[in-house]
Amino acid sequence: MEGVPHSGPRPFGWQEDRITLHPHEAALVRQAISDRIGGKAARAIARDWCELGVSGTRGGRPNAQTVTQIITAPRVCGYRANRGVLMPVPGTTEPVSGQWVPIVTPEQWQAVRATFSLGGPYPRGGSGAPRSTAEKAKPRTIGSGLLRCGAERSDGTECRGAMSRQKGRSKRSPYVYTCRSCRRCSISGPLADEALERLLFSAAPVHASLPESVRRRWRDGDMGVEEKRRTIRSVLTCCVVRPGVKGNPSWDHARVRPEWRSAARAEASAVDREPFRHGVGGSP
C-alpha cells in the first residue's frame, strides 16, 4: 500500500534499485508503447528488440508474450498492482502510486492496454497477471494446427512440429505458416490454405470424399473458419509440409502432403490383425 517496489528479478526498464529508470530500456519500452498504440504487432516489436541485441533481465530473448507483459504492466505508468489488479488507496477508487519513476502516463498505459483484446493469446497486465478471460483465442485460418513440418532432422526423421500462423511480409502472403520447433520450414498461408481446399475437393480418395451438401456449403461461402476446420479434420489427421527450395519462386501443391484419416484407421487395423497372421494370440 506504500508503493514499495517488489523483490525478485529487476523489472525491465528500471535499474537495480527498481526506482530509477534504465535509460536504454526505458526508451525501448516508451517507443514500444507508442508503436503498439500506432498499430504495430507485439511480435514485430519483439523482433526489433532481438535485432538490437536486447535481452530480458534474466537473459532471455524477447518474444511477443514478454513484450506484451512489459508494456501493459501497471508499473510503466507508476501504478501499484497485485497480479495485474490495481491496488486502490483505502477509502478511494484512486490507484496506489509506486515510489518508482514512471515511463509513460496513465493515459498512454490505458491506450496500450486497449489494443489487446480480452482472451487474446498473451496475458496483459504484467508477469503475474492472469488472462482476462478463460476463453482461448480462436484460429483465424483453416491451416493453423493442421499443418506439420516435413523438414528432415539430423537423424533422417521428419520434424513433424506444429506450424503456426505468423504475419507475412508481402501482399501475396499477408500471413505464413512456420514451424514452431525447428523454424526451418515456412509456407505462404493463402497458398497452403488453397492447397488444403484443393485436396478436399480434387484429390481426396473415394473413402474420404465429402458429402455434396458439405461441398456446396463450403463453396457457397456458408461456412465459417471453425466449421471448415472441423470438416478438414473429419477426413484428414494432418498435412505434412515439405520445405521449399530457396530461390525458387514457383508454387508446388505437392509440398503439402495429406495424411487421410481413413488411411490411418486402416493401418491401425492392420497392425491389430498382425499377430493372427503369424499364429500368435490364439484363434481370431
Protein backbone atom coordinates (compact mmCIF):
# COMPACT_ATOMS: atom_id res chain seq x y z
CA MET A 1 0.00 0.00 0.00
CA GLU A 2 3.03 2.27 0.42
CA GLY A 3 4.04 1.63 -3.20
CA VAL A 4 7.31 -0.05 -2.26
CA PRO A 5 8.93 -1.89 -5.21
CA HIS A 6 8.64 -5.67 -5.02
CA SER A 7 11.58 -8.01 -4.69
CA GLY A 8 12.58 -10.58 -7.26
CA PRO A 9 14.08 -10.06 -10.72
CA ARG A 10 14.74 -6.48 -11.78
CA PRO A 11 11.82 -5.15 -13.84
CA PHE A 12 12.75 -4.34 -17.43
CA GLY A 13 13.08 -0.54 -17.81
CA TRP A 14 14.47 0.18 -14.35
CA GLN A 15 17.83 -0.11 -12.70
CA GLU A 16 18.73 -2.42 -9.81
CA ASP A 17 17.14 -0.10 -7.24
CA ARG A 18 13.82 -0.69 -9.09
CA ILE A 19 13.09 3.03 -8.79
CA THR A 20 15.46 4.80 -11.19
CA LEU A 21 14.85 4.42 -14.92
CA HIS A 22 17.29 2.44 -17.03
CA PRO A 23 17.95 4.96 -19.86
CA HIS A 24 18.19 2.48 -22.75
CA GLU A 25 15.48 0.03 -21.64
CA ALA A 26 13.02 2.75 -20.62
CA ALA A 27 13.40 4.33 -24.05
CA LEU A 28 12.66 0.97 -25.68
CA VAL A 29 9.52 0.49 -23.57
CA ARG A 30 8.33 4.03 -24.29
CA GLN A 31 8.85 3.55 -28.05
CA ALA A 32 7.20 0.10 -27.96
CA ILE A 33 4.09 1.53 -26.29
CA SER A 34 3.91 4.30 -28.89
CA ASP A 35 4.39 1.79 -31.74
CA ARG A 36 1.75 -0.57 -30.34
CA ILE A 37 -0.79 2.23 -29.98
CA GLY A 38 0.02 3.07 -33.61
CA GLY A 39 -0.88 -0.48 -34.69
CA LYS A 40 2.40 -2.39 -34.60
CA ALA A 41 2.24 -6.08 -33.64
CA ALA A 42 3.84 -7.26 -30.39
CA ARG A 43 5.66 -9.94 -32.39
CA ALA A 44 7.20 -7.25 -34.64
CA ILE A 45 8.31 -5.23 -31.61
CA ALA A 46 9.93 -8.34 -30.12
CA ARG A 47 11.69 -9.00 -33.43
CA ASP A 48 13.04 -5.41 -33.45
CA TRP A 49 14.38 -5.85 -29.92
CA CYS A 50 16.07 -9.12 -30.89
CA GLU A 51 17.75 -7.44 -33.86
CA LEU A 52 19.05 -4.75 -31.48
CA GLY A 53 20.54 -7.43 -29.26
CA VAL A 54 18.18 -6.72 -26.36
CA SER A 55 17.78 -9.41 -23.70
CA GLY A 56 15.49 -9.65 -20.70
CA THR A 57 16.62 -9.01 -17.15
CA ARG A 58 17.14 -12.76 -16.74
CA GLY A 59 18.97 -13.13 -20.06
CA GLY A 60 16.13 -14.44 -22.25
CA ARG A 61 15.35 -13.32 -25.79
CA PRO A 62 12.30 -11.03 -26.11
CA ASN A 63 9.16 -12.57 -27.61
CA ALA A 64 5.60 -11.37 -28.16
CA GLN A 65 4.43 -12.55 -24.74
CA THR A 66 7.20 -10.84 -22.75
CA VAL A 67 6.80 -7.62 -24.73
CA THR A 68 3.05 -7.66 -24.04
CA GLN A 69 3.61 -8.19 -20.32
CA ILE A 70 6.19 -5.40 -20.14
CA ILE A 71 4.23 -2.70 -21.96
CA THR A 72 0.86 -3.47 -20.31
CA ALA A 73 2.15 -3.76 -16.73
CA PRO A 74 0.65 -1.01 -14.48
CA ARG A 75 4.20 -0.31 -13.34
CA VAL A 76 5.02 1.52 -16.59
CA CYS A 77 2.74 4.42 -15.60
CA GLY A 78 3.59 4.33 -11.89
CA TYR A 79 0.63 2.32 -10.57
CA ARG A 80 0.99 -0.41 -7.96
CA ALA A 81 -0.73 -3.70 -8.72
CA ASN A 82 -1.01 -7.21 -7.35
CA ARG A 83 -1.18 -9.92 -10.04
CA GLY A 84 -2.36 -7.37 -12.58
CA VAL A 85 -5.06 -5.86 -10.33
CA LEU A 86 -4.62 -2.18 -9.34
CA MET A 87 -4.33 -1.55 -5.60
CA PRO A 88 -6.72 1.27 -4.56
CA VAL A 89 -5.90 3.86 -1.93
CA PRO A 90 -8.00 2.91 1.14
CA GLY A 91 -11.38 4.62 1.08
CA THR A 92 -11.00 5.77 -2.53
CA THR A 93 -11.00 4.40 -6.06
CA GLU A 94 -7.64 6.01 -6.90
CA PRO A 95 -4.82 3.54 -7.63
CA VAL A 96 -1.84 3.44 -5.32
CA SER A 97 1.19 5.14 -6.91
CA GLY A 98 4.55 3.41 -6.66
CA GLN A 99 7.74 5.02 -5.44
CA TRP A 100 9.46 4.46 -8.80
CA VAL A 101 9.77 6.80 -11.78
CA PRO A 102 7.07 6.03 -14.40
CA ILE A 103 7.93 5.54 -18.07
CA VAL A 104 4.63 6.75 -19.60
CA THR A 105 1.46 8.48 -18.45
CA PRO A 106 -1.62 6.61 -17.17
CA GLU A 107 -3.44 7.69 -20.35
CA GLN A 108 -0.80 6.06 -22.53
CA TRP A 109 -0.94 2.90 -20.41
CA GLN A 110 -4.71 2.70 -20.76
CA ALA A 111 -4.38 3.23 -24.51
CA VAL A 112 -1.85 0.43 -25.00
CA ARG A 113 -3.90 -1.99 -22.85
CA ALA A 114 -6.91 -1.29 -25.05
CA THR A 115 -5.02 -2.58 -28.10
CA PHE A 116 -5.04 -6.13 -26.67
CA SER A 117 -8.40 -7.89 -26.86
CA LEU A 118 -9.89 -9.89 -24.00
CA GLY A 119 -8.95 -13.53 -24.29
CA GLY A 120 -6.00 -12.73 -26.55
CA PRO A 121 -3.06 -15.12 -26.88
CA TYR A 122 -0.96 -13.31 -24.25
CA PRO A 123 -1.84 -12.25 -20.68
CA ARG A 124 -1.83 -8.49 -20.24
CA GLY A 125 -1.09 -6.50 -17.07
CA GLY A 126 2.36 -7.73 -16.09
CA SER A 127 4.16 -11.00 -15.47
CA GLY A 128 1.86 -12.15 -12.66
CA ALA A 129 -1.43 -11.22 -14.28
CA PRO A 130 -3.91 -13.96 -15.26
CA ARG A 131 -5.77 -13.92 -18.57
CA SER A 132 -8.70 -11.53 -18.73
CA THR A 133 -10.95 -14.45 -19.66
CA ALA A 134 -10.63 -18.20 -19.76
CA GLU A 135 -11.73 -18.28 -23.40
CA LYS A 136 -8.87 -19.03 -25.77
CA ALA A 137 -8.32 -17.09 -28.95
CA LYS A 138 -9.85 -18.92 -31.91
CA PRO A 139 -7.81 -19.72 -35.04
CA ARG A 140 -8.37 -17.25 -37.86
CA THR A 141 -7.19 -19.50 -40.69
CA ILE A 142 -8.01 -23.06 -41.67
CA GLY A 143 -4.42 -24.35 -41.62
CA SER A 144 -3.50 -23.39 -38.04
CA GLY A 145 -2.71 -26.54 -36.05
CA LEU A 146 -3.42 -28.78 -39.06
CA LEU A 147 -0.03 -28.45 -40.74
CA ARG A 148 3.09 -30.35 -39.65
CA CYS A 149 6.70 -29.62 -40.55
CA GLY A 150 8.29 -32.01 -43.04
CA ALA A 151 11.87 -30.75 -42.62
CA GLU A 152 14.44 -33.52 -42.17
CA ARG A 153 16.20 -33.84 -38.83
CA SER A 154 19.86 -34.75 -38.44
CA ASP A 155 18.87 -38.38 -37.79
CA GLY A 156 16.90 -38.54 -41.05
CA THR A 157 13.41 -38.39 -39.46
CA GLU A 158 10.83 -35.69 -40.13
CA CYS A 159 10.48 -32.82 -37.68
CA ARG A 160 6.64 -33.09 -37.51
CA GLY A 161 6.48 -29.89 -35.44
CA ALA A 162 3.22 -27.91 -35.44
CA MET A 163 3.15 -24.98 -37.88
CA SER A 164 1.53 -21.79 -36.61
CA ARG A 165 0.26 -18.65 -38.31
CA GLN A 166 2.56 -15.63 -38.36
CA LYS A 167 2.43 -12.26 -40.08
CA GLY A 168 3.84 -12.28 -43.61
CA ARG A 169 5.83 -9.63 -45.43
CA SER A 170 4.10 -9.35 -48.78
CA LYS A 171 0.66 -8.68 -50.24
CA ARG A 172 0.65 -12.14 -51.78
CA SER A 173 1.38 -13.71 -48.41
CA PRO A 174 -0.06 -11.49 -45.65
CA TYR A 175 0.42 -14.45 -43.31
CA VAL A 176 2.61 -17.55 -43.34
CA TYR A 177 2.73 -20.87 -41.50
CA THR A 178 6.06 -21.50 -39.75
CA CYS A 179 7.31 -24.49 -37.75
CA ARG A 180 7.45 -23.64 -34.05
CA SER A 181 10.01 -26.37 -33.34
CA CYS A 182 12.85 -26.19 -35.86
CA ARG A 183 11.96 -22.88 -37.59
CA ARG A 184 13.37 -24.34 -40.83
CA CYS A 185 10.10 -24.73 -42.71
CA SER A 186 7.72 -21.96 -43.75
CA ILE A 187 4.96 -21.72 -46.33
CA SER A 188 2.68 -18.99 -47.68
CA GLY A 189 -0.56 -19.03 -45.69
CA PRO A 190 -3.03 -18.33 -48.52
CA LEU A 191 -1.32 -20.87 -50.81
CA ALA A 192 -1.28 -23.53 -48.08
CA ASP A 193 -4.99 -22.94 -47.40
CA GLU A 194 -5.64 -23.19 -51.13
CA ALA A 195 -3.76 -26.50 -51.18
CA LEU A 196 -5.92 -27.81 -48.32
CA GLU A 197 -9.09 -26.89 -50.20
CA ARG A 198 -7.72 -28.45 -53.38
CA LEU A 199 -7.04 -31.70 -51.51
CA LEU A 200 -10.58 -31.82 -50.16
CA PHE A 201 -12.32 -31.26 -53.47
CA SER A 202 -9.92 -32.59 -56.10
CA ALA A 203 -7.55 -35.13 -54.60
CA ALA A 204 -9.49 -36.83 -51.82
CA PRO A 205 -9.79 -40.62 -52.24
CA VAL A 206 -13.29 -42.08 -52.57
CA HIS A 207 -13.43 -43.21 -48.94
CA ALA A 208 -12.57 -39.66 -47.77
CA SER A 209 -14.78 -37.65 -50.11
CA LEU A 210 -17.13 -35.10 -48.58
CA PRO A 211 -20.92 -35.21 -48.98
CA GLU A 212 -22.25 -32.98 -51.76
CA SER A 213 -24.17 -30.85 -49.25
CA VAL A 214 -20.92 -30.06 -47.40
CA ARG A 215 -19.12 -29.25 -50.64
CA ARG A 216 -21.92 -26.90 -51.67
CA ARG A 217 -21.97 -25.03 -48.36
CA TRP A 218 -18.17 -24.62 -48.43
CA ARG A 219 -18.09 -23.32 -52.00
CA ASP A 220 -21.10 -21.02 -51.46
CA GLY A 221 -19.31 -19.34 -48.58
CA ASP A 222 -21.78 -20.52 -45.92
CA MET A 223 -19.06 -21.99 -43.67
CA GLY A 224 -17.03 -20.12 -41.09
CA VAL A 225 -13.39 -20.88 -40.27
CA GLU A 226 -14.26 -23.14 -37.32
CA GLU A 227 -16.67 -25.28 -39.36
CA LYS A 228 -14.17 -25.55 -42.20
CA ARG A 229 -11.52 -26.74 -39.75
CA ARG A 230 -13.87 -29.39 -38.36
CA THR A 231 -14.67 -30.51 -41.91
CA ILE A 232 -10.97 -30.88 -42.72
CA ARG A 233 -10.30 -32.79 -39.51
CA SER A 234 -13.12 -35.20 -40.33
CA VAL A 235 -11.11 -36.54 -43.29
CA LEU A 236 -7.50 -35.56 -42.53
CA THR A 237 -5.33 -36.25 -39.49
CA CYS A 238 -2.88 -33.56 -40.65
CA CYS A 239 -0.90 -32.36 -43.66
CA VAL A 240 2.91 -32.52 -43.77
CA VAL A 241 4.60 -29.53 -45.43
CA ARG A 242 7.83 -30.14 -47.32
CA PRO A 243 10.36 -27.23 -47.13
CA GLY A 244 10.55 -25.10 -50.25
CA VAL A 245 13.60 -24.69 -52.47
CA LYS A 246 15.49 -21.49 -51.74
CA GLY A 247 15.43 -19.11 -54.69
CA ASN A 248 12.60 -20.97 -56.45
CA PRO A 249 9.51 -18.70 -56.53
CA SER A 250 7.24 -21.25 -58.25
CA TRP A 251 4.42 -22.80 -56.24
CA ASP A 252 4.17 -26.58 -55.93
CA HIS A 253 0.98 -28.06 -54.46
CA ALA A 254 2.90 -31.28 -53.81
CA ARG A 255 4.67 -29.53 -50.92
CA VAL A 256 1.53 -30.22 -48.86
CA ARG A 257 1.25 -33.97 -48.29
CA PRO A 258 -2.08 -35.18 -46.85
CA GLU A 259 -2.46 -37.90 -44.26
CA TRP A 260 -6.02 -39.18 -44.64
CA ARG A 261 -7.88 -40.21 -41.50
CA SER A 262 -9.36 -43.33 -43.12
CA ALA A 263 -5.86 -44.48 -44.16
CA ALA A 264 -4.64 -44.09 -40.59
CA ARG A 265 -7.54 -46.20 -39.32
CA ALA A 266 -6.81 -48.90 -41.92
CA GLU A 267 -3.14 -49.01 -40.93
CA ALA A 268 -4.02 -49.30 -37.23
CA SER A 269 -6.46 -52.10 -38.04
CA ALA A 270 -3.76 -53.94 -39.98
CA VAL A 271 -1.38 -53.69 -37.03
CA ASP A 272 -4.07 -55.10 -34.72
CA ARG A 273 -4.54 -58.09 -37.04
CA GLU A 274 -0.82 -58.77 -37.46
CA PRO A 275 -0.45 -61.30 -34.55
CA PHE A 276 -3.20 -63.51 -36.01
CA ARG A 277 -1.39 -63.71 -39.35
CA HIS A 278 1.59 -65.29 -37.61
CA GLY A 279 -0.47 -67.60 -35.36
CA VAL A 280 0.10 -65.52 -32.24
CA GLY A 281 -2.60 -64.64 -29.73
CA GLY A 282 -4.96 -67.58 -30.32
CA SER A 283 -7.63 -68.08 -32.91
CA PRO A 284 -9.27 -64.97 -34.46
